[in-house]
């Protein structure tokens, strides 16, 4: 008997999607094991003995792990596909830098909003991706926001104290103003969790509409040397640093 994994982890190891998204696939009856539609989320898979299919196609764990750093541009979706035909980050990976080869199947680690740009990591290393997005590991994400209005010390205190978000969670962040022209402000925001539209919601709680948002850093990764829409593979030292942050 070979290596064993819970079904959602196995699907993530195969580079299909994240563990959470895998659970959704199972609930939608799109996953079968040894020819039978899977009924339970907690099923354990033997990598050597069991045959797993998603939407009728057999999947196997990725033998070559890929780690891609992308400078996501404005107006691109952080998804694999889009039914409405909008541009996705996957289409950007088709533009291969000189001296590189096209990456294998990868998926985004977390998401950036359609109109947010900056650092985005993509990988088929499901174990690492799961930990980098889990609140337990408090991975630092640094954003720079251009907002309409004056960012005051009272705003900083309010956001540090916590703001109720649309999903019912309470969001909070470290913030500091790094620029102002009297009409608009530039604010740095540091998160250690991630909820949908969290940065925009935190700033909106202070009546500061977000005009532009960019992620400067994710888990210490930056894209200062990459033009918008360009990507590169992570260096071995960068991969090791990511794994250390999450105890791998």
Protein backbone atom coordinates (compact mmCIF):
# COMPACT_ATOMS: atom_id res chain seq x y z
CA UNK A 1 0.00 0.00 0.00
CA UNK A 2 1.22 3.49 -0.85
CA UNK A 3 0.87 7.00 0.48
CA UNK A 4 -2.56 7.95 1.79
CA UNK A 5 -4.34 11.32 1.90
CA UNK A 6 -7.81 12.66 2.59
CA UNK A 7 -9.68 13.16 -0.66
CA UNK A 8 -9.67 16.97 -0.58
CA UNK A 9 -5.91 17.01 0.00
CA UNK A 10 -5.40 14.45 -2.77
CA UNK A 11 -7.32 16.62 -5.25
CA UNK A 12 -5.21 19.63 -4.25
CA UNK A 13 -1.99 17.60 -4.64
CA UNK A 14 -3.11 16.79 -8.17
CA UNK A 15 -3.16 20.52 -8.94
CA UNK A 16 -6.89 20.61 -9.66
CA UNK A 17 -7.87 23.24 -7.09
CA UNK A 18 -7.52 24.16 -3.42
CA UNK A 19 -8.75 21.87 -0.63
CA UNK A 20 -11.77 24.08 0.00
CA UNK A 21 -12.67 24.11 -3.69
CA UNK A 22 -12.23 20.32 -3.74
CA UNK A 23 -14.88 19.96 -1.06
CA UNK A 24 -17.26 21.93 -3.29
CA UNK A 25 -16.51 19.58 -6.20
CA UNK A 26 -17.34 16.62 -3.98
CA UNK A 27 -20.61 18.17 -2.78
CA UNK A 28 -21.55 18.74 -6.43
CA UNK A 29 -21.04 15.00 -7.11
CA UNK A 30 -18.28 15.70 -9.61
CA UNK A 31 -15.71 13.39 -7.97
CA UNK A 32 -15.64 9.59 -8.26
CA UNK A 33 -13.39 7.00 -6.64
CA UNK A 34 -12.88 3.64 -8.33
CA UNK A 35 -15.80 4.35 -10.62
CA UNK A 36 -18.33 5.37 -7.95
CA UNK A 37 -19.51 8.91 -7.21
CA UNK A 38 -17.96 10.01 -3.92
CA UNK A 39 -20.50 10.56 -1.12
CA UNK A 40 -18.27 11.51 1.83
CA UNK A 41 -15.82 14.39 2.33
CA UNK A 42 -13.62 12.44 4.73
CA UNK A 43 -12.69 9.59 2.38
CA UNK A 44 -9.02 8.56 2.51
CA UNK A 45 -7.29 7.79 -0.78
CA UNK A 46 -4.43 5.35 -1.37
CA UNK A 47 -2.29 7.04 -4.04
CA UNK A 48 -1.26 3.71 -5.59
CA UNK A 49 -4.45 1.66 -5.34
CA UNK A 50 -7.33 4.11 -5.81
CA UNK A 51 -8.45 5.73 -9.07
CA UNK A 52 -9.90 9.24 -8.67
CA UNK A 53 -11.76 11.12 -11.40
CA UNK A 54 -13.00 14.70 -11.55
CA UNK A 55 -15.67 15.36 -14.17
CA UNK A 56 -14.85 11.99 -15.72
CA UNK A 57 -11.10 12.56 -16.10
CA UNK A 58 -8.60 10.66 -13.96
CA UNK A 59 -6.27 12.79 -11.86
CA UNK A 60 -2.85 12.02 -10.42
CA UNK A 61 -0.57 14.02 -8.09
CA UNK A 62 1.78 16.37 -9.90
CA UNK A 63 5.28 14.91 -10.12
CA UNK A 64 6.89 18.27 -10.90
CA UNK A 65 5.93 21.08 -8.56
CA UNK A 66 5.73 24.57 -9.99
CA UNK A 67 5.95 27.89 -8.14
CA UNK A 68 5.12 30.96 -10.22
CA UNK A 69 5.30 34.60 -9.11
CA UNK A 70 3.09 36.91 -11.18
CA UNK A 71 2.68 40.67 -11.20
CA UNK A 72 -1.08 40.60 -11.69
CA UNK A 73 -2.36 43.49 -13.80
CA UNK A 74 -5.49 45.57 -13.31
CA UNK A 75 -8.68 43.91 -14.65
CA UNK A 76 -7.64 40.25 -14.65
CA UNK A 77 -9.40 37.48 -12.74
CA UNK A 78 -7.48 35.32 -10.25
CA UNK A 79 -9.24 32.19 -11.51
CA UNK A 80 -8.45 29.37 -13.88
CA UNK A 81 -11.38 30.08 -16.21
CA UNK A 82 -14.25 32.55 -16.50
CA UNK A 83 -17.64 31.66 -18.04
CA UNK A 84 -18.12 35.30 -19.08
CA UNK A 85 -14.93 35.39 -21.13
CA UNK A 86 -13.09 37.93 -19.00
CA UNK A 87 -9.27 37.76 -18.98
CA UNK A 88 -7.72 35.49 -16.33
CA UNK A 89 -4.24 35.24 -14.86
CA UNK A 90 -3.85 31.82 -16.51
CA UNK A 91 -3.82 33.46 -19.93
CA UNK A 92 -0.82 35.52 -18.82
CA UNK A 93 1.19 32.35 -18.16
CA UNK A 94 0.93 31.50 -21.84
CA UNK A 95 3.38 34.35 -22.52
CA UNK A 96 6.60 32.51 -21.71
CA UNK A 97 9.71 34.58 -20.84
CA UNK A 98 12.83 34.04 -22.92
CA UNK A 99 14.80 31.02 -21.74
CA UNK A 100 11.82 29.55 -19.84
CA UNK A 101 9.36 26.79 -20.66
CA UNK A 102 5.62 26.99 -20.14
CA UNK A 103 4.56 26.03 -16.59
CA UNK A 104 2.46 22.96 -15.90
CA UNK A 105 -1.00 23.21 -14.40
CA UNK A 106 -1.01 25.63 -11.46
CA UNK A 107 -3.67 27.62 -9.64
CA UNK A 108 -3.68 30.88 -7.66
CA UNK A 109 -2.88 30.85 -3.95
CA UNK A 110 -5.76 32.97 -2.68
CA UNK A 111 -7.24 35.67 -4.86
CA UNK A 112 -6.85 39.29 -5.78
CA UNK A 113 -9.90 41.28 -6.85
CA UNK A 114 -10.47 41.84 -10.56
CA UNK A 115 -9.39 45.48 -10.24
CA UNK A 116 -6.49 44.84 -7.81
CA UNK A 117 -2.95 44.38 -9.06
CA UNK A 118 0.35 43.16 -7.67
CA UNK A 119 1.85 40.03 -6.12
CA UNK A 120 0.12 36.73 -6.90
CA UNK A 121 1.60 33.28 -6.27
CA UNK A 122 0.48 30.29 -8.37
CA UNK A 123 1.47 26.69 -7.67
CA UNK A 124 0.44 23.05 -7.88
CA UNK A 125 1.91 22.38 -4.42
CA UNK A 126 -1.41 21.86 -2.67
CA UNK A 127 0.05 21.37 0.80
CA UNK A 128 1.96 24.64 0.71
CA UNK A 129 -0.95 26.52 -0.85
CA UNK A 130 -3.31 25.30 1.89
CA UNK A 131 -1.05 26.51 4.67
CA UNK A 132 -0.28 29.85 3.04
CA UNK A 133 -4.02 30.64 2.96
CA UNK A 134 -4.88 29.25 6.41
CA UNK A 135 -5.42 31.92 9.12
CA UNK A 136 -3.42 29.84 11.62
CA UNK A 137 -0.14 30.75 9.94
CA UNK A 138 -0.78 34.52 9.88
CA UNK A 139 0.92 35.09 6.53
CA UNK A 140 1.63 38.78 6.02
CA UNK A 141 0.07 40.50 3.02
CA UNK A 142 1.02 44.13 2.41
CA UNK A 143 -1.17 46.42 0.28
CA UNK A 144 -0.92 49.99 -0.94
CA UNK A 145 -4.25 51.77 -1.41
CA UNK A 146 -5.03 55.13 -2.98
CA UNK A 147 -8.17 56.38 -1.23
CA UNK A 148 -10.40 59.37 -1.59
CA UNK A 149 -10.13 61.50 1.53
CA UNK A 150 -7.76 62.05 4.42
CA UNK A 151 -6.52 59.02 6.34
CA UNK A 152 -6.45 60.12 9.98
CA UNK A 153 -5.06 58.56 13.18
CA UNK A 154 -8.68 57.85 14.14
CA UNK A 155 -9.04 55.72 10.98
CA UNK A 156 -5.91 53.78 11.89
CA UNK A 157 -7.22 53.10 15.40
CA UNK A 158 -10.63 51.99 14.11
CA UNK A 159 -9.14 49.52 11.64
CA UNK A 160 -6.67 48.19 14.21
CA UNK A 161 -9.55 47.63 16.63
CA UNK A 162 -11.57 45.63 14.16
CA UNK A 163 -14.35 46.16 11.63
CA UNK A 164 -17.25 43.80 10.99
CA UNK A 165 -17.07 42.43 7.44
CA UNK A 166 -19.83 41.36 5.07
CA UNK A 167 -19.07 37.66 5.68
CA UNK A 168 -19.56 38.02 9.43
CA UNK A 169 -15.87 37.96 10.33
CA UNK A 170 -14.16 40.81 12.11
CA UNK A 171 -11.33 42.25 10.08
CA UNK A 172 -8.43 44.29 11.36
CA UNK A 173 -5.09 45.46 10.04
CA UNK A 174 -1.98 47.50 10.68
CA UNK A 175 -2.13 50.74 8.70
CA UNK A 176 -0.11 53.88 8.09
CA UNK A 177 -0.44 56.83 5.78
CA UNK A 178 2.49 57.10 3.39
CA UNK A 179 1.29 60.01 1.25
CA UNK A 180 -1.37 62.70 0.89
CA UNK A 181 -2.16 65.66 -1.32
CA UNK A 182 -4.94 67.00 0.88
CA UNK A 183 -7.62 65.40 -1.30
CA UNK A 184 -6.50 61.77 -1.59
CA UNK A 185 -4.29 59.60 0.62
CA UNK A 186 -1.96 56.66 0.05
CA UNK A 187 -2.27 54.06 2.79
CA UNK A 188 -0.23 50.95 3.55
CA UNK A 189 -2.31 48.07 4.94
CA UNK A 190 -0.89 44.88 6.46
CA UNK A 191 -3.18 41.85 6.84
CA UNK A 192 -2.48 38.46 8.38
CA UNK A 193 -5.82 36.96 7.33
CA UNK A 194 -7.73 37.29 4.10
CA UNK A 195 -11.44 37.83 3.47
CA UNK A 196 -13.25 38.85 0.30
CA UNK A 197 -12.79 42.58 -0.43
CA UNK A 198 -11.34 42.98 3.08
CA UNK A 199 -9.04 45.95 2.40
CA UNK A 200 -11.78 47.88 0.63
CA UNK A 201 -14.24 47.12 3.43
CA UNK A 202 -11.82 48.26 6.14
CA UNK A 203 -11.23 51.56 4.37
CA UNK A 204 -14.93 52.01 3.58
CA UNK A 205 -15.65 51.75 7.31
CA UNK A 206 -13.74 55.03 7.60
CA UNK A 207 -15.66 56.56 4.66
CA UNK A 208 -12.60 56.25 2.43
CA UNK A 209 -13.50 54.88 -1.04
CA UNK A 210 -10.65 52.90 -2.62
CA UNK A 211 -9.54 54.38 -5.92
CA UNK A 212 -6.67 51.98 -6.62
CA UNK A 213 -5.30 48.92 -4.82
CA UNK A 214 -2.04 47.07 -5.22
CA UNK A 215 -0.58 44.17 -3.25
CA UNK A 216 3.07 44.91 -2.59
CA UNK A 217 4.02 41.73 -0.77
CA UNK A 218 2.73 38.23 -0.03
CA UNK A 219 4.63 36.05 2.48
CA UNK A 220 7.70 38.19 1.79
CA UNK A 221 7.48 37.84 -2.01
CA UNK A 222 7.58 41.04 -4.06
CA UNK A 223 7.34 41.79 -7.79
CA UNK A 224 9.43 44.96 -7.92
CA UNK A 225 11.49 43.59 -10.83
CA UNK A 226 8.50 42.34 -12.83
CA UNK A 227 6.46 44.50 -15.18
CA UNK A 228 2.69 44.28 -14.96
CA UNK A 229 1.44 41.00 -16.46
CA UNK A 230 4.87 39.32 -16.33
CA UNK A 231 5.89 36.26 -14.32
CA UNK A 232 8.87 34.21 -13.23
CA UNK A 233 9.56 30.98 -11.36
CA UNK A 234 10.50 31.19 -7.71
CA UNK A 235 14.10 30.59 -6.73
CA UNK A 236 14.91 27.63 -4.47
CA UNK A 237 15.69 29.97 -1.57
CA UNK A 238 12.28 31.64 -1.95
CA UNK A 239 10.48 28.29 -1.93
CA UNK A 240 12.41 27.23 1.17
CA UNK A 241 11.50 30.50 2.90
CA UNK A 242 7.80 29.97 2.15
CA UNK A 243 7.90 26.44 3.51
CA UNK A 244 9.65 27.57 6.70
CA UNK A 245 6.93 30.17 7.32
CA UNK A 246 4.27 27.45 7.44
CA UNK A 247 6.26 24.75 9.22
CA UNK A 248 6.98 22.47 6.24
